[in-house]
Amino acid sequence: MLSYKVVEIPIVTDEAIEVVLNQWIRQGWQFDSLQFVVREASKRPSMAFVFFTRGDQPAG
């Protein structure tokens, strides 16, 4: 069964993205995608969401 993990990054910097990626990959999650939230008034992202997946072992 495939499980999903979504992590919100409220302040988007390259360092913050690296921390989240390294933290969850070490825990066995696989990076799936990264989505930025951008407001019309600014070109800089106001937040980001990182998506991970992991194939869980069946119980038993």
Protein backbone atom coordinates (compact mmCIF):
# COMPACT_ATOMS: atom_id res chain seq x y z
CA MET A 1 0.00 0.00 0.00
CA LEU A 2 1.30 3.46 -0.89
CA SER A 3 1.34 6.15 1.82
CA TYR A 4 1.68 9.88 1.26
CA LYS A 5 3.33 12.59 3.37
CA VAL A 6 2.79 16.32 2.81
CA VAL A 7 5.10 18.83 4.49
CA GLU A 8 4.40 22.56 4.52
CA ILE A 9 7.33 24.98 4.37
CA PRO A 10 6.04 28.35 5.63
CA ILE A 11 9.24 30.30 4.86
CA VAL A 12 10.70 29.22 1.53
CA THR A 13 14.49 29.21 1.33
CA ASP A 14 16.90 26.76 -0.23
CA GLU A 15 18.09 25.79 3.25
CA ALA A 16 14.54 25.09 4.47
CA ILE A 17 13.85 22.90 1.43
CA GLU A 18 17.10 20.96 1.99
CA VAL A 19 16.27 20.37 5.66
CA VAL A 20 12.81 18.99 4.84
CA LEU A 21 14.09 16.79 2.00
CA ASN A 22 16.96 15.34 4.04
CA GLN A 23 14.82 14.82 7.16
CA TRP A 24 12.07 12.82 5.47
CA ILE A 25 14.29 10.89 3.04
CA ARG A 26 16.33 9.64 6.03
CA GLN A 27 13.07 8.32 7.48
CA GLY A 28 12.40 6.19 4.40
CA TRP A 29 10.14 8.51 2.42
CA GLN A 30 10.73 9.09 -1.30
CA PHE A 31 10.51 12.58 -2.79
CA ASP A 32 7.52 12.94 -5.12
CA SER A 33 7.07 16.64 -5.91
CA LEU A 34 7.41 20.22 -4.73
CA GLN A 35 4.74 22.89 -5.20
CA PHE A 36 5.11 26.61 -4.53
CA VAL A 37 2.39 29.05 -3.53
CA VAL A 38 2.93 32.42 -5.21
CA ARG A 39 0.87 35.56 -4.72
CA GLU A 40 0.14 37.86 -7.63
CA ALA A 41 1.91 40.81 -6.00
CA SER A 42 5.20 38.94 -5.54
CA LYS A 43 7.37 36.64 -7.62
CA ARG A 44 8.79 35.04 -4.47
CA PRO A 45 6.92 32.00 -3.11
CA SER A 46 5.01 32.66 0.10
CA MET A 47 5.08 28.97 1.07
CA ALA A 48 5.77 25.54 -0.38
CA PHE A 49 4.48 22.01 -0.03
CA VAL A 50 6.76 18.98 -0.39
CA PHE A 51 5.14 15.64 -1.24
CA PHE A 52 6.65 12.27 -0.35
CA THR A 53 5.52 8.67 -0.85
CA ARG A 54 6.42 5.39 0.81
CA GLY A 55 5.39 1.82 0.12
CA ASP A 56 4.35 0.40 3.49
CA GLN A 57 4.79 -3.23 4.41
CA PRO A 58 1.50 -5.12 4.76
CA ALA A 59 0.55 -5.96 8.35
CA GLY A 60 0.93 -9.55 9.44
